Protein backbone atom coordinates (compact mmCIF):
# COMPACT_ATOMS: atom_id res chain seq x y z
CA UNK A 1 3.26 -12.09 3.27
CA UNK A 2 4.89 -9.88 0.67
CA UNK A 3 5.23 -10.80 -3.00
CA UNK A 4 8.33 -9.38 -4.72
CA UNK A 5 8.20 -9.25 -8.49
CA UNK A 6 11.41 -9.05 -10.36
CA UNK A 7 10.85 -6.73 -13.19
CA UNK A 8 14.03 -4.68 -13.59
CA UNK A 9 15.48 -6.41 -16.65
CA UNK A 10 15.57 -4.85 -20.14
CA UNK A 11 14.53 -7.73 -22.18
CA UNK A 12 16.92 -6.94 -25.04
CA UNK A 13 16.12 -10.20 -26.94
CA UNK A 14 12.51 -8.89 -27.38
CA UNK A 15 13.55 -5.58 -29.20
CA UNK A 16 11.79 -3.70 -30.61
CA UNK A 17 8.71 -4.74 -28.53
CA UNK A 18 10.60 -3.98 -25.27
CA UNK A 19 12.91 -1.13 -26.14
CA UNK A 20 10.55 1.27 -24.60
CA UNK A 21 8.11 -0.94 -22.81
CA UNK A 22 8.60 -3.63 -19.97
CA UNK A 23 8.20 -7.30 -20.90
CA UNK A 24 5.91 -8.12 -17.86
CA UNK A 25 3.39 -5.88 -19.28
CA UNK A 26 3.08 -7.44 -22.73
CA UNK A 27 -0.24 -9.08 -23.33
CA UNK A 28 -0.76 -12.80 -23.44
CA UNK A 29 -4.44 -13.43 -24.32
CA UNK A 30 -6.77 -10.95 -22.66
CA UNK A 31 -4.26 -10.06 -19.76
CA UNK A 32 -0.73 -8.85 -19.34
CA UNK A 33 1.87 -11.29 -17.89
CA UNK A 34 1.77 -9.51 -14.58
CA UNK A 35 -2.09 -9.60 -14.40
CA UNK A 36 -2.01 -13.50 -14.91
CA UNK A 37 0.61 -13.81 -12.00
CA UNK A 38 -0.83 -11.26 -9.57
CA UNK A 39 -4.57 -12.20 -10.05
CA UNK A 40 -3.68 -15.89 -9.43
CA UNK A 41 -1.52 -15.25 -6.40
CA UNK A 42 -4.22 -13.07 -4.93
CA UNK A 43 -6.66 -15.94 -4.71
CA UNK A 44 -4.55 -17.27 -1.90
CA UNK A 45 -5.72 -14.30 0.26
CA UNK A 46 -2.32 -14.39 2.01
CA UNK A 47 -0.35 -11.63 0.19
CA UNK A 48 -1.01 -8.12 1.64
CA UNK A 49 1.36 -6.28 -0.69
CA UNK A 50 2.91 -6.71 -4.10
CA UNK A 51 6.19 -5.04 -4.68
CA UNK A 52 7.23 -4.58 -8.33
CA UNK A 53 10.98 -4.04 -8.59
CA UNK A 54 11.62 -1.89 -11.68
CA UNK A 55 14.52 -0.13 -13.36
CA UNK A 56 14.10 3.65 -13.70
CA UNK A 57 13.41 3.43 -17.55
CA UNK A 58 10.21 1.43 -17.06
CA UNK A 59 9.02 2.40 -13.58
CA UNK A 60 6.39 4.78 -14.86
CA UNK A 61 4.74 1.96 -16.87
CA UNK A 62 4.46 -0.19 -13.87
CA UNK A 63 3.06 2.73 -11.70
CA UNK A 64 0.25 3.26 -14.49
CA UNK A 65 -0.40 -0.46 -14.43
CA UNK A 66 -0.62 -0.47 -10.71
CA UNK A 67 -3.34 2.16 -10.70
CA UNK A 68 -5.61 -0.33 -12.61
CA UNK A 69 -5.25 -3.04 -9.88
CA UNK A 70 -7.27 -3.58 -6.70
CA UNK A 71 -4.37 -5.02 -4.85
CA UNK A 72 -1.86 -3.06 -2.83
CA UNK A 73 0.85 -2.61 -5.33
CA UNK A 74 4.11 -0.66 -4.65
CA UNK A 75 6.65 -0.01 -7.45
CA UNK A 76 10.30 0.30 -6.38
CA UNK A 77 12.56 1.99 -8.87
CA UNK A 78 16.16 0.70 -8.49
CA UNK A 79 17.58 3.67 -10.37
CA UNK A 80 19.29 1.95 -13.27
CA UNK A 81 18.60 3.04 -16.83
CA UNK A 82 20.45 0.38 -19.04
CA UNK A 83 21.19 -3.31 -19.37
CA UNK A 84 24.85 -2.55 -18.56
CA UNK A 85 24.11 -0.66 -15.28
CA UNK A 86 21.45 -3.13 -13.98
CA UNK A 87 22.00 -4.20 -10.24
CA UNK A 88 21.22 -7.98 -10.76
CA UNK A 89 18.16 -9.83 -9.30
CA UNK A 90 19.70 -10.62 -5.74
CA UNK A 91 20.74 -6.90 -5.33
CA UNK A 92 17.39 -5.79 -6.47
CA UNK A 93 15.76 -7.98 -3.80
CA UNK A 94 17.86 -6.43 -1.17
CA UNK A 95 17.16 -2.91 -2.59
CA UNK A 96 13.38 -3.50 -2.14
CA UNK A 97 13.86 -4.88 1.38
CA UNK A 98 15.88 -1.78 2.40
CA UNK A 99 13.75 0.77 0.52
CA UNK A 100 10.52 -0.49 2.12
CA UNK A 101 11.92 -1.98 5.39
CA UNK A 102 10.40 -5.20 4.56
CA UNK A 103 10.45 -7.98 7.40
CA UNK A 104 8.00 -10.69 6.38
CA UNK A 105 7.64 -13.88 4.59
CA UNK A 106 8.18 -13.39 0.81
CA UNK A 107 7.11 -14.97 -2.39
CA UNK A 108 9.67 -13.79 -4.98
CA UNK A 109 8.98 -14.33 -8.63
CA UNK A 110 10.10 -13.30 -12.01
CA UNK A 111 7.51 -11.02 -13.65
CA UNK A 112 8.03 -12.28 -17.13
CA UNK A 113 6.84 -15.93 -17.06
CA UNK A 114 3.31 -17.36 -17.29
CA UNK A 115 2.21 -20.63 -15.80
CA UNK A 116 -0.63 -22.88 -16.55
CA UNK A 117 -1.04 -23.95 -12.82
CA UNK A 118 -1.84 -21.80 -9.74
CA UNK A 119 1.02 -20.56 -7.74
CA UNK A 120 -1.26 -20.96 -4.58
CA UNK A 121 -0.27 -24.66 -4.75
CA UNK A 122 3.41 -23.62 -4.25
CA UNK A 123 2.51 -21.26 -1.38
CA UNK A 124 0.54 -24.13 0.39
CA UNK A 125 3.64 -26.41 -0.07
CA UNK A 126 5.93 -23.86 1.42
CA UNK A 127 3.67 -23.08 4.43
CA UNK A 128 3.29 -26.83 5.08
CA UNK A 129 7.19 -27.38 5.00
CA UNK A 130 7.69 -24.14 7.18
CA UNK A 131 11.01 -23.50 5.34
CA UNK A 132 12.17 -21.51 2.39
CA UNK A 133 11.26 -23.45 -0.84
CA UNK A 134 11.69 -23.37 -4.54
CA UNK A 135 10.21 -25.20 -7.51
CA UNK A 136 11.84 -27.86 -9.83
CA UNK A 137 11.04 -29.44 -13.06
CA UNK A 138 12.60 -32.20 -15.06
CA UNK A 139 14.52 -30.75 -18.01
CA UNK A 140 15.86 -33.43 -20.42
CA UNK A 141 17.88 -31.06 -22.72
CA UNK A 142 21.53 -30.66 -21.57
CA UNK A 143 21.93 -27.30 -23.40
CA UNK A 144 19.04 -25.83 -21.39
CA UNK A 145 20.51 -27.17 -18.10
CA UNK A 146 23.55 -25.11 -18.68
CA UNK A 147 21.51 -21.89 -18.60
CA UNK A 148 19.65 -22.42 -15.39
CA UNK A 149 19.80 -23.40 -11.74
CA UNK A 150 19.97 -27.04 -11.07
CA UNK A 151 19.35 -28.87 -7.88
CA UNK A 152 20.14 -32.14 -6.13
CA UNK A 153 17.53 -33.28 -3.76
CA UNK A 154 16.95 -36.11 -1.26
CA UNK A 155 13.70 -38.24 -1.13
CA UNK A 156 11.94 -35.64 1.05
CA UNK A 157 12.57 -32.76 -1.58
CA UNK A 158 15.34 -31.19 0.60
CA UNK A 159 18.01 -29.47 -1.57
CA UNK A 160 21.43 -31.16 -1.06
CA UNK A 161 23.05 -28.90 -3.54
CA UNK A 162 22.32 -26.26 -6.11
CA UNK A 163 24.31 -24.64 -8.93
CA UNK A 164 23.56 -21.80 -11.27
CA UNK A 165 24.57 -22.19 -14.93
CA UNK A 166 27.08 -24.96 -14.14
CA UNK A 167 29.17 -26.37 -17.03
CA UNK A 168 28.48 -29.80 -15.63
CA UNK A 169 24.92 -29.95 -14.17
CA UNK A 170 24.56 -32.76 -11.56
CA UNK A 171 20.86 -33.65 -12.21
CA UNK A 172 18.04 -32.85 -14.63
CA UNK A 173 16.08 -30.91 -11.96
CA UNK A 174 15.91 -27.35 -13.26
CA UNK A 175 14.69 -24.46 -11.13
CA UNK A 176 12.20 -21.70 -12.48
CA UNK A 177 12.41 -18.24 -11.00
CA UNK A 178 9.75 -18.67 -8.17
CA UNK A 179 11.01 -18.74 -4.57
CA UNK A 180 9.45 -18.59 -1.13
CA UNK A 181 11.50 -17.03 1.69
CA UNK A 182 10.68 -17.38 5.24
CA UNK A 183 10.91 -13.97 7.13
CA UNK A 184 14.12 -15.33 8.88
CA UNK A 185 15.73 -16.24 5.54
CA UNK A 186 14.73 -12.93 3.86
CA UNK A 187 16.83 -11.26 6.60
CA UNK A 188 19.81 -13.15 5.25
CA UNK A 189 20.02 -11.84 1.75
CA UNK A 190 22.37 -9.15 2.51
CA UNK A 191 24.62 -11.61 4.34
CA UNK A 192 24.54 -13.88 1.26
CA UNK A 193 25.69 -10.89 -0.89
CA UNK A 194 28.39 -10.09 1.61
CA UNK A 195 29.49 -13.75 1.63
CA UNK A 196 30.01 -13.60 -2.22
CA UNK A 197 26.86 -15.09 -3.55
CA UNK A 198 26.51 -14.23 -7.29
CA UNK A 199 23.86 -11.50 -7.68
CA UNK A 200 22.72 -11.67 -11.30
CA UNK A 201 20.41 -14.78 -11.31
CA UNK A 202 17.82 -14.80 -8.50
CA UNK A 203 18.60 -18.42 -7.78
CA UNK A 204 22.09 -17.63 -6.80
CA UNK A 205 20.88 -16.67 -3.38
CA UNK A 206 19.01 -20.02 -2.97
CA UNK A 207 22.36 -21.80 -3.99
CA UNK A 208 24.00 -19.93 -0.97
CA UNK A 209 20.92 -20.35 1.42
CA UNK A 210 20.74 -24.01 1.12
CA UNK A 211 24.28 -24.14 2.58
CA UNK A 212 23.07 -22.47 5.57
CA UNK A 213 19.72 -23.81 6.31
CA UNK A 214 17.05 -26.30 5.06
CA UNK A 215 15.38 -25.41 1.63
CA UNK A 216 13.01 -27.72 0.00
CA UNK A 217 12.10 -28.05 -3.86
CA UNK A 218 8.58 -28.78 -4.83
CA UNK A 219 8.02 -30.49 -8.28
CA UNK A 220 6.26 -28.14 -10.44
CA UNK A 221 2.70 -29.31 -11.03
CA UNK A 222 2.28 -27.82 -14.71
CA UNK A 223 4.08 -25.90 -17.32
CA UNK A 224 5.95 -22.69 -17.30
CA UNK A 225 6.06 -20.66 -20.48
CA UNK A 226 9.33 -18.73 -20.66
CA UNK A 227 9.16 -15.74 -23.01
CA UNK A 228 12.75 -15.28 -24.08
CA UNK A 229 12.49 -13.84 -27.62
CA UNK A 230 10.00 -12.77 -30.21
CA UNK A 231 9.53 -16.08 -31.42
CA UNK A 232 8.79 -17.74 -28.06
CA UNK A 233 6.56 -14.73 -27.34
CA UNK A 234 4.52 -15.44 -30.43
CA UNK A 235 4.27 -19.07 -29.53
CA UNK A 236 2.89 -18.34 -26.03
CA UNK A 237 0.22 -16.00 -27.53
CA UNK A 238 -0.92 -18.90 -29.69
CA UNK A 239 -0.69 -21.76 -27.26
CA UNK A 240 -1.35 -20.31 -23.76
CA UNK A 241 -4.89 -21.25 -22.35
CA UNK A 242 -4.78 -19.77 -18.85
CA UNK A 243 -4.45 -21.34 -15.42
CA UNK A 244 -5.75 -24.72 -14.52
CA UNK A 245 -6.79 -24.36 -10.94
């Protein structure tokens, strides 16, 4: 299985910290955000390559970080150099698939979040389902629902509908940027783009995919810390205690 790490954003809300440095390599406690994610996932012993999808501006930072890791890590430079010219998450995923000729099951994650639970639980869930999967958590605040992917599910976790940044979210089930694609569904990303699926938010591909095949949504077994601005970053540094295995 491959792990694709979405890290081509510019994190403009974290300036000046991220004006010349990538957000996923900021420190939280004794590790960078990427270290927390990769070191945890690696305990599953199922990922044989980590692919960091970077913009051109920050690629050298990720390459330097990769040299410090024992895991096989490949950095893919999408060639963009500004927030205005970015490809968008879904096109970045397809760019990595094309560049490295990937044809495998994939764990696709945002490289700028930390979790207090192990992602191996999500991998186990997806393997048991034998289908593409996402995670979900209950979000009580309406204003936050307007900014994210929202799913409607049946009593077996199957997604009946998913929307991204809808002005009228159907449920309170919000989707964080962590996804599992089967090999067969990873082959459909280009088709989704060609069929008009939005490409900026990574969940847009899942919103399209669940109209084509079965996709399931696991309830998140812990908390996700979203580092969106300087204030939230300082809060995470104060509060984050690591991963509860």
